[in-house]
Protein backbone atom coordinates (compact mmCIF):
# COMPACT_ATOMS: atom_id res chain seq x y z
CA UNK A 1 0.00 0.00 0.00
CA UNK A 2 1.35 3.45 -0.95
CA UNK A 3 0.90 6.40 1.34
CA UNK A 4 1.21 9.82 -0.28
CA UNK A 5 1.90 11.83 2.84
CA UNK A 6 4.86 11.23 5.13
CA UNK A 7 4.16 11.10 8.81
CA UNK A 8 6.35 10.73 11.84
CA UNK A 9 6.51 7.15 12.94
CA UNK A 10 8.22 4.92 15.45
CA UNK A 11 9.42 1.45 14.67
CA UNK A 12 8.62 -1.09 17.37
CA UNK A 13 10.25 -4.24 16.04
CA UNK A 14 10.65 -7.10 18.55
CA UNK A 15 14.07 -6.95 20.25
CA UNK A 16 15.06 -4.08 18.00
CA UNK A 17 12.94 -0.95 18.27
CA UNK A 18 13.22 1.19 21.38
CA UNK A 19 10.64 3.01 23.45
CA UNK A 20 9.28 6.40 22.36
CA UNK A 21 11.61 9.33 23.11
CA UNK A 22 14.80 7.26 22.94
CA UNK A 23 17.22 7.79 20.11
CA UNK A 24 18.31 5.02 17.83
CA UNK A 25 21.84 3.75 18.65
CA UNK A 26 24.50 4.58 16.07
CA UNK A 27 27.88 2.88 15.66
CA UNK A 28 30.48 5.15 14.09
CA UNK A 29 27.78 7.24 12.44
CA UNK A 30 26.15 4.17 10.83
CA UNK A 31 22.65 3.05 12.06
CA UNK A 32 22.96 -0.29 13.82
CA UNK A 33 21.48 -3.38 12.22
CA UNK A 34 18.52 -4.96 14.06
CA UNK A 35 19.75 -8.05 15.81
CA UNK A 36 16.72 -10.17 14.92
CA UNK A 37 16.81 -9.38 11.20
CA UNK A 38 18.33 -12.16 9.08
CA UNK A 39 21.51 -11.07 7.34
CA UNK A 40 21.19 -13.43 4.41
CA UNK A 41 18.73 -11.36 2.42
CA UNK A 42 20.63 -8.08 2.27
CA UNK A 43 24.19 -7.13 1.58
CA UNK A 44 26.29 -4.78 3.74
CA UNK A 45 26.78 -2.41 0.80
CA UNK A 46 24.61 0.50 -0.24
CA UNK A 47 24.69 3.37 -2.67
CA UNK A 48 23.97 6.90 -1.47
CA UNK A 49 22.48 5.66 1.77
CA UNK A 50 20.19 3.03 0.17
CA UNK A 51 20.10 -0.62 1.01
CA UNK A 52 21.25 -3.08 -1.63
CA UNK A 53 19.19 -6.31 -1.47
CA UNK A 54 20.76 -9.58 -2.51
CA UNK A 55 19.07 -11.82 -5.03
CA UNK A 56 16.57 -10.89 -7.67
CA UNK A 57 15.88 -7.25 -6.67
CA UNK A 58 17.06 -4.54 -9.00
CA UNK A 59 18.46 -1.15 -7.95
CA UNK A 60 15.10 0.45 -8.87
CA UNK A 61 13.45 -1.44 -6.01
CA UNK A 62 15.72 0.01 -3.29
CA UNK A 63 14.02 1.92 -0.50
CA UNK A 64 15.38 4.24 2.14
CA UNK A 65 14.57 3.99 5.79
CA UNK A 66 12.83 7.31 6.33
CA UNK A 67 9.55 8.14 4.53
CA UNK A 68 9.66 5.38 1.89
CA UNK A 69 7.40 2.38 1.84
CA UNK A 70 7.85 -0.91 0.15
CA UNK A 71 4.68 -2.55 -1.14
CA UNK A 72 6.57 -5.25 -2.92
CA UNK A 73 7.64 -7.11 0.19
CA UNK A 74 6.40 -10.65 0.20
CA UNK A 75 4.72 -12.28 3.13
CA UNK A 76 7.88 -14.19 3.81
CA UNK A 77 9.81 -10.96 4.06
CA UNK A 78 7.12 -9.43 6.25
CA UNK A 79 7.45 -12.31 8.64
CA UNK A 80 11.20 -11.90 8.75
CA UNK A 81 11.16 -8.15 9.24
CA UNK A 82 8.23 -8.10 11.68
CA UNK A 83 5.37 -5.72 11.77
CA UNK A 84 5.92 -2.03 12.25
CA UNK A 85 3.45 -0.33 14.60
CA UNK A 86 2.78 3.37 14.10
CA UNK A 87 0.29 5.96 15.18
CA UNK A 88 -1.62 5.25 11.97
CA UNK A 89 -4.52 2.83 11.90
CA UNK A 90 -3.62 -0.82 12.12
CA UNK A 91 -4.92 -1.41 8.60
CA UNK A 92 -2.19 0.72 7.15
CA UNK A 93 1.10 -0.95 8.12
CA UNK A 94 4.36 0.35 6.70
CA UNK A 95 7.55 -1.50 6.10
CA UNK A 96 10.83 0.30 6.76
CA UNK A 97 13.95 -0.59 4.82
CA UNK A 98 17.25 -0.70 6.72
CA UNK A 99 20.02 1.68 5.54
CA UNK A 100 23.43 0.09 5.24
CA UNK A 101 26.62 2.01 4.21
CA UNK A 102 28.14 1.13 0.87
CA UNK A 103 31.67 0.07 0.08
CA UNK A 104 32.09 3.36 -1.78
CA UNK A 105 31.03 5.39 1.27
CA UNK A 106 33.27 3.20 3.41
CA UNK A 107 36.28 4.13 1.29
CA UNK A 108 35.44 7.83 1.60
CA UNK A 109 35.27 7.52 5.37
CA UNK A 110 38.68 5.87 5.42
CA UNK A 111 40.18 8.67 3.38
CA UNK A 112 38.64 11.23 5.71
CA UNK A 113 40.11 9.49 8.76
CA UNK A 114 43.54 9.33 7.15
CA UNK A 115 43.36 13.05 6.41
CA UNK A 116 42.75 13.87 10.04
CA UNK A 117 45.27 11.35 11.38
CA UNK A 118 48.07 11.68 8.83
CA UNK A 119 51.65 11.40 10.08
CA UNK A 120 53.79 14.49 10.53
CA UNK A 121 55.88 15.44 7.54
CA UNK A 122 59.38 13.98 7.28
CA UNK A 123 61.95 16.27 8.90
CA UNK A 124 65.31 16.03 7.07
CA UNK A 125 66.98 18.43 9.49
CA UNK A 126 66.24 16.51 12.69
CA UNK A 127 64.88 19.47 14.67
CA UNK A 128 61.87 17.50 15.90
CA UNK A 129 63.99 14.56 16.97
CA UNK A 130 66.41 16.91 18.72
CA UNK A 131 63.71 18.51 20.84
CA UNK A 132 62.23 15.15 21.71
CA UNK A 133 65.67 13.72 22.57
CA UNK A 134 66.48 16.72 24.79
CA UNK A 135 63.20 16.24 26.62
CA UNK A 136 63.82 12.53 27.03
CA UNK A 137 67.41 13.01 28.27
CA UNK A 138 66.51 16.03 30.40
CA UNK A 139 68.92 18.46 28.74
CA UNK A 140 68.38 21.99 27.50
CA UNK A 141 68.29 22.35 23.68
CA UNK A 142 71.13 24.45 22.22
CA UNK A 143 69.57 27.33 20.32
CA UNK A 144 72.69 27.77 18.17
CA UNK A 145 72.25 24.24 16.89
CA UNK A 146 68.57 24.77 16.05
CA UNK A 147 69.33 28.01 14.21
CA UNK A 148 72.10 26.52 12.09
CA UNK A 149 70.91 22.96 11.58
CA UNK A 150 70.26 23.68 7.88
CA UNK A 151 73.79 24.94 7.19
CA UNK A 152 76.41 22.86 5.39
CA UNK A 153 79.00 23.76 8.06
CA UNK A 154 78.14 23.76 11.75
CA UNK A 155 80.50 25.03 14.46
CA UNK A 156 79.58 23.80 17.96
CA UNK A 157 82.90 24.43 19.76
CA UNK A 158 82.88 25.10 23.54
CA UNK A 159 79.11 24.56 23.94
CA UNK A 160 79.40 22.40 27.05
CA UNK A 161 77.22 19.61 25.67
CA UNK A 162 78.47 16.88 27.96
CA UNK A 163 77.71 13.19 27.38
CA UNK A 164 73.90 13.55 27.47
CA UNK A 165 73.79 16.69 25.35
CA UNK A 166 76.05 15.03 22.79
CA UNK A 167 73.75 12.01 22.71
CA UNK A 168 70.70 14.21 22.04
CA UNK A 169 72.54 15.98 19.24
CA UNK A 170 73.68 12.68 17.74
CA UNK A 171 70.09 11.36 17.66
CA UNK A 172 68.96 14.37 15.65
CA UNK A 173 71.86 14.10 13.18
CA UNK A 174 71.15 10.54 12.11
CA UNK A 175 68.79 11.69 9.33
CA UNK A 176 70.23 15.16 8.75
CA UNK A 177 71.05 15.78 5.08
CA UNK A 178 72.37 19.35 5.28
CA UNK A 179 75.46 19.32 7.48
CA UNK A 180 78.66 18.29 5.71
CA UNK A 181 81.26 19.67 8.15
CA UNK A 182 80.74 19.41 11.91
CA UNK A 183 82.97 20.90 14.63
CA UNK A 184 82.31 19.57 18.17
CA UNK A 185 85.62 20.55 19.71
CA UNK A 186 85.83 20.92 23.50
CA UNK A 187 82.40 19.71 24.60
CA UNK A 188 83.45 17.26 27.32
CA UNK A 189 81.54 14.43 25.66
CA UNK A 190 83.73 11.65 27.17
CA UNK A 191 83.38 8.01 26.17
CA UNK A 192 79.56 7.96 26.20
CA UNK A 193 79.29 10.97 23.92
CA UNK A 194 81.97 9.59 21.62
CA UNK A 195 80.06 6.32 21.32
CA UNK A 196 76.86 8.25 20.48
CA UNK A 197 78.64 10.16 17.72
CA UNK A 198 80.07 6.88 16.42
CA UNK A 199 76.59 5.34 16.19
CA UNK A 200 75.34 8.42 14.36
CA UNK A 201 78.17 8.32 11.82
CA UNK A 202 77.32 4.71 11.03
CA UNK A 203 73.95 5.89 9.71
CA UNK A 204 74.64 9.43 8.46
CA UNK A 205 76.02 9.41 4.91
CA UNK A 206 76.48 13.15 4.43
CA UNK A 207 79.03 14.33 7.02
CA UNK A 208 82.50 14.27 5.45
CA UNK A 209 84.49 16.25 8.05
CA UNK A 210 84.16 16.07 11.83
CA UNK A 211 86.24 17.54 14.67
CA UNK A 212 85.98 15.74 18.04
CA UNK A 213 89.17 17.18 19.51
CA UNK A 214 89.59 17.92 23.24
CA UNK A 215 86.63 15.83 24.42
CA UNK A 216 88.29 13.27 26.73
CA UNK A 217 86.94 10.39 24.69
CA UNK A 218 89.44 7.89 26.06
CA UNK A 219 89.66 4.19 25.29
CA UNK A 220 85.90 3.51 25.40
CA UNK A 221 85.13 6.23 22.91
CA UNK A 222 88.02 5.22 20.66
CA UNK A 223 86.72 1.65 20.54
CA UNK A 224 83.32 2.81 19.28
CA UNK A 225 84.84 5.27 16.81
CA UNK A 226 87.19 2.63 15.44
CA UNK A 227 84.22 0.35 14.83
CA UNK A 228 82.51 3.22 13.01
CA UNK A 229 85.51 3.73 10.72
CA UNK A 230 85.17 0.16 9.53
CA UNK A 231 81.60 0.87 8.33
CA UNK A 232 81.59 4.54 7.33
CA UNK A 233 82.39 5.17 3.67
CA UNK A 234 81.97 8.95 3.36
CA UNK A 235 84.09 10.46 6.15
CA UNK A 236 87.21 12.13 4.72
CA UNK A 237 88.61 14.17 7.63
CA UNK A 238 88.64 13.12 11.29
CA UNK A 239 90.14 15.07 14.22
CA UNK A 240 90.74 13.19 17.49
CA UNK A 241 93.36 15.52 18.92
CA UNK A 242 93.58 15.87 22.71
CA UNK A 243 91.36 12.94 23.71
CA UNK A 244 93.58 11.05 26.20
CA UNK A 245 94.21 8.26 23.70
CA UNK A 246 96.95 5.86 24.74
CA UNK A 247 98.48 2.58 23.60
CA UNK A 248 95.25 0.69 24.33
CA UNK A 249 93.32 3.07 22.11
CA UNK A 250 95.92 2.52 19.38
CA UNK A 251 95.04 -1.19 19.39
CA UNK A 252 91.46 -0.29 18.51
CA UNK A 253 92.39 2.28 15.88
CA UNK A 254 94.97 0.18 14.02
CA UNK A 255 92.47 -2.22 12.38
CA UNK A 256 90.35 0.78 11.37
CA UNK A 257 93.32 2.45 9.68
CA UNK A 258 94.00 -0.76 7.81
CA UNK A 259 90.40 -1.47 6.81
CA UNK A 260 89.11 2.02 6.04
CA UNK A 261 89.96 3.02 2.49
CA UNK A 262 88.13 6.39 2.41
CA UNK A 263 89.53 8.46 5.28
CA UNK A 264 92.13 10.90 3.94
CA UNK A 265 93.01 13.16 6.88
CA UNK A 266 93.48 12.01 10.49
CA UNK A 267 94.64 14.10 13.46
CA UNK A 268 95.84 12.14 16.52
CA UNK A 269 97.99 14.88 18.01
CA UNK A 270 98.15 15.85 21.71
CA UNK A 271 97.43 12.33 22.96
CA UNK A 272 99.38 9.74 24.96
CA UNK A 273 100.67 7.35 22.31
CA UNK A 274 103.94 5.76 23.36
CA UNK A 275 106.38 3.19 22.04
CA UNK A 276 103.76 0.44 21.75
CA UNK A 277 101.44 2.75 19.86
CA UNK A 278 104.29 3.66 17.51
CA UNK A 279 104.79 -0.01 16.66
CA UNK A 280 101.05 -0.65 16.21
CA UNK A 281 100.30 2.46 14.19
CA UNK A 282 103.46 2.08 12.12
CA UNK A 283 102.32 -1.33 10.90
CA UNK A 284 98.84 0.06 10.15
CA UNK A 285 100.27 2.97 8.16
CA UNK A 286 102.23 0.58 6.01
CA UNK A 287 98.97 -1.13 4.98
CA UNK A 288 96.81 1.96 4.57
CA UNK A 289 95.98 2.87 0.98
CA UNK A 290 93.88 6.03 1.34
CA UNK A 291 95.28 8.44 3.91
CA UNK A 292 96.93 11.60 2.62
CA UNK A 293 97.78 13.37 5.88
CA UNK A 294 98.48 12.14 9.42
CA UNK A 295 99.21 14.23 12.51
CA UNK A 296 100.88 12.52 15.48
CA UNK A 297 102.47 15.62 17.01
CA UNK A 298 102.76 16.00 20.79
CA UNK A 299 102.84 12.31 21.71
CA UNK A 300 105.48 10.01 23.27
CA UNK A 301 106.65 8.00 20.27
CA UNK A 302 110.34 7.15 20.72
CA UNK A 303 112.80 4.26 20.77
CA UNK A 304 111.33 1.07 19.33
CA UNK A 305 108.12 2.86 18.47
CA UNK A 306 110.00 5.44 16.40
CA UNK A 307 111.91 2.74 14.56
CA UNK A 308 108.74 0.76 13.79
CA UNK A 309 106.93 3.86 12.62
CA UNK A 310 109.82 4.78 10.32
CA UNK A 311 109.62 1.33 8.74
CA UNK A 312 105.87 1.70 8.25
CA UNK A 313 106.38 5.06 6.57
CA UNK A 314 108.80 3.46 4.11
CA UNK A 315 106.11 0.98 3.06
CA UNK A 316 103.37 3.56 2.59
CA UNK A 317 102.78 4.85 -0.93
CA UNK A 318 99.85 7.25 -0.38
CA UNK A 319 100.73 9.55 2.53
CA UNK A 320 101.53 13.14 1.49
CA UNK A 321 101.83 14.98 4.82
CA UNK A 322 103.19 13.64 8.12
CA UNK A 323 103.61 15.56 11.39
CA UNK A 324 105.75 13.83 14.03
CA UNK A 325 106.83 16.99 15.84
CA UNK A 326 107.18 17.06 19.63
CA UNK A 327 107.83 13.37 20.10
CA UNK A 328 111.15 11.74 20.99
CA UNK A 329 112.46 10.19 17.79
CA UNK A 330 116.09 10.86 18.67
CA UNK A 331 118.92 9.20 16.82
CA UNK A 332 117.08 5.86 16.47
CA UNK A 333 114.13 7.50 14.81
CA UNK A 334 116.41 9.48 12.47
CA UNK A 335 118.04 6.24 11.31
CA UNK A 336 114.61 4.78 10.53
CA UNK A 337 113.66 7.97 8.68
CA UNK A 338 116.79 7.67 6.52
CA UNK A 339 115.56 4.38 5.13
CA UNK A 340 112.00 5.66 4.81
CA UNK A 341 113.08 8.69 2.75
CA UNK A 342 115.05 6.44 0.43
CA UNK A 343 112.08 4.15 -0.20
CA UNK A 344 109.11 6.48 -0.02
CA UNK A 345 108.25 8.28 -3.25
CA UNK A 346 105.00 10.04 -2.26
CA UNK A 347 105.68 12.01 0.96
CA UNK A 348 105.81 15.77 0.32
CA UNK A 349 105.64 17.41 3.76
CA UNK A 350 107.50 16.10 6.84
CA UNK A 351 107.61 17.78 10.25
CA UNK A 352 110.09 16.31 12.76
CA UNK A 353 110.64 19.45 14.84
CA UNK A 354 111.55 19.16 18.52
CA UNK A 355 112.43 15.46 18.55
CA UNK A 356 115.71 15.56 20.49
CA UNK A 357 117.54 14.81 17.26
CA UNK A 358 121.30 15.33 17.62
CA UNK A 359 123.90 16.03 14.94
CA UNK A 360 124.24 12.32 14.16
CA UNK A 361 120.50 12.08 13.60
CA UNK A 362 120.52 15.06 11.23
CA UNK A 363 123.27 13.40 9.20
CA UNK A 364 121.13 10.25 8.78
CA UNK A 365 118.20 12.36 7.58
CA UNK A 366 120.55 14.10 5.14
CA UNK A 367 121.61 10.75 3.70
CA UNK A 368 117.97 9.92 3.03
CA UNK A 369 117.42 13.27 1.29
CA UNK A 370 120.23 12.52 -1.17
CA UNK A 371 118.01 9.89 -2.79
CA UNK A 372 114.56 11.32 -2.19
CA UNK A 373 112.79 12.99 -5.13
CA UNK A 374 109.36 13.98 -3.74
CA UNK A 375 109.80 15.76 -0.39
CA UNK A 376 109.14 19.49 -0.76
CA UNK A 377 108.90 20.71 2.85
CA UNK A 378 111.13 19.60 5.73
CA UNK A 379 110.73 21.06 9.22
CA UNK A 380 113.46 20.27 11.77
CA UNK A 381 113.27 23.25 14.12
CA UNK A 382 114.24 23.11 17.81
CA UNK A 383 116.45 20.05 17.49
CA UNK A 384 119.90 19.98 19.13
CA UNK A 385 121.68 19.35 15.82
CA UNK A 386 123.46 22.71 15.78
CA UNK A 387 124.60 24.55 12.68
CA UNK A 388 126.55 21.50 11.47
CA UNK A 389 123.35 19.47 11.22
CA UNK A 390 121.66 22.22 9.22
CA UNK A 391 124.69 22.39 6.94
CA UNK A 392 124.51 18.61 6.35
CA UNK A 393 120.86 18.82 5.32
CA UNK A 394 121.50 21.74 2.97
CA UNK A 395 124.53 19.97 1.46
CA UNK A 396 122.49 16.83 0.69
CA UNK A 397 119.91 18.93 -1.15
CA UNK A 398 122.68 20.46 -3.25
CA UNK A 399 124.07 17.02 -4.04
CA UNK A 400 120.73 15.67 -5.29
CA UNK A 401 119.92 17.04 -8.77
CA UNK A 402 116.39 15.56 -8.57
CA UNK A 403 115.61 17.00 -5.14
CA UNK A 404 112.17 18.62 -4.82
CA UNK A 405 112.95 20.55 -1.62
CA UNK A 406 111.40 24.04 -1.58
CA UNK A 407 111.37 24.93 2.12
CA UNK A 408 113.67 24.07 5.03
CA UNK A 409 112.68 25.11 8.56
CA UNK A 410 115.53 25.33 11.09
CA UNK A 411 113.77 27.74 13.47
CA UNK A 412 115.52 28.43 16.79
CA UNK A 413 118.77 26.93 15.49
CA UNK A 414 121.59 29.40 14.96
CA UNK A 415 123.72 28.90 11.86
CA UNK A 416 127.30 29.91 11.17
CA UNK A 417 128.96 31.67 8.28
CA UNK A 418 129.75 28.41 6.51
CA UNK A 419 126.02 27.64 6.27
CA UNK A 420 125.31 31.15 4.98
CA UNK A 421 127.94 30.85 2.27
CA UNK A 422 126.56 27.51 1.09
CA UNK A 423 123.02 28.86 0.96
CA UNK A 424 124.09 31.92 -1.05
CA UNK A 425 125.85 29.62 -3.49
CA UNK A 426 122.72 27.50 -3.96
CA UNK A 427 120.47 30.42 -4.78
CA UNK A 428 121.52 30.33 -8.42
CA UNK A 429 120.93 26.56 -8.58
CA UNK A 430 117.61 26.56 -6.63
CA UNK A 431 116.12 30.06 -6.87
CA UNK A 432 112.83 28.99 -5.23
CA UNK A 433 114.46 27.43 -2.16
CA UNK A 434 113.52 29.07 1.15
CA UNK A 435 115.37 28.49 4.40
CA UNK A 436 114.27 29.62 7.84
CA UNK A 437 116.72 29.53 10.76
CA UNK A 438 117.31 31.09 14.15
CA UNK A 439 119.84 33.61 12.94
CA UNK A 440 123.53 33.92 12.25
CA UNK A 441 125.97 33.08 14.99
CA UNK A 442 127.68 36.21 16.23
CA UNK A 443 131.45 35.96 16.40
CA UNK A 444 133.45 38.10 18.76
CA UNK A 445 135.56 40.78 17.08
CA UNK A 446 139.33 40.39 17.60
CA UNK A 447 141.04 43.27 19.30
CA UNK A 448 143.76 44.93 17.20
């Protein structure tokens, strides 16, 4: 039966319809399905809020729940759906079709939820991670770091990060793609902070230069950093100066120097490497095939360590610059350097200043220079080799027609007239040669 006028009605289905005045229960914005209604006759899908029957019904026979009647229901369906009581006379029953959401509407709802719950955008700088890490580790964020996190070079010297602050910074730098050169000098990071930086450098593939000098990293930090060097393939320059590294740390670093074939510049100055470290690092240098400059100034390499390091230098064919100043090479080290200079054909800059090298040691170095064809700069200042040692070095350069020497540094060593005469003679032969010394020895005037 078709009713032309819509009237307000209340469905009182057994076990389903509620009392007058109560609202129908919704689940997620979708009207709930009556429990007693069989689910086999109708699908869960609908189109534009209309129920989609299963079976022989066509889309033209769909009915909505509110204000639409269905006269085509069979008696069987009436029995299944139950009778609907309204305020209308009993002879005018109405059947109400259930509204079920369609698959299409379901997809739209999903997209709407994703829009409101989408993840935060990817942060390539790491600012978000840095703030979260600082909060987690209970440290104050460094505003200088946040302001310059997008720069290619970041200077964080003397910021007082400490171990925890360094760890927070390392967490944020794992995914940073901007910073290429990082200076963390003098931040008291200790072993824990050094290990955090090591873990970061295992993941970060953009930082090519890093300065960790004066941070008291010690053996624990050196162990972690050595492990990093075996995995990192982008780091080119590494500064570990002034970190209390000793012979035990050298045992960790040696395999890294042998295995890493990318690192080109390493600074290990102002540490505590002794004779054992000289032997260990000397063997590693002989096997290294990538390093171009090495700084071991201000250590305690002497005796057997100096000899072993000299032998390692002779076997290296890639090193260009070597700083061994302020050690204790002495005569033994000078003898080893003689052989190294004869064999090595790549070294261009050698600094052996302040190494307690006597006249005999200078003579051994001079013998090596007679056959060397690549060394351009030789620094031997503050050695007790006197003017005679300087003269021997200069004489060997004159005797070698293939010598590449351009600069000799004999600072704080006074030279005599004989040295001056030889140098003046060589100016025509080597016009580009520069010599620096402590001055000419003053001779007392004879009284007439």
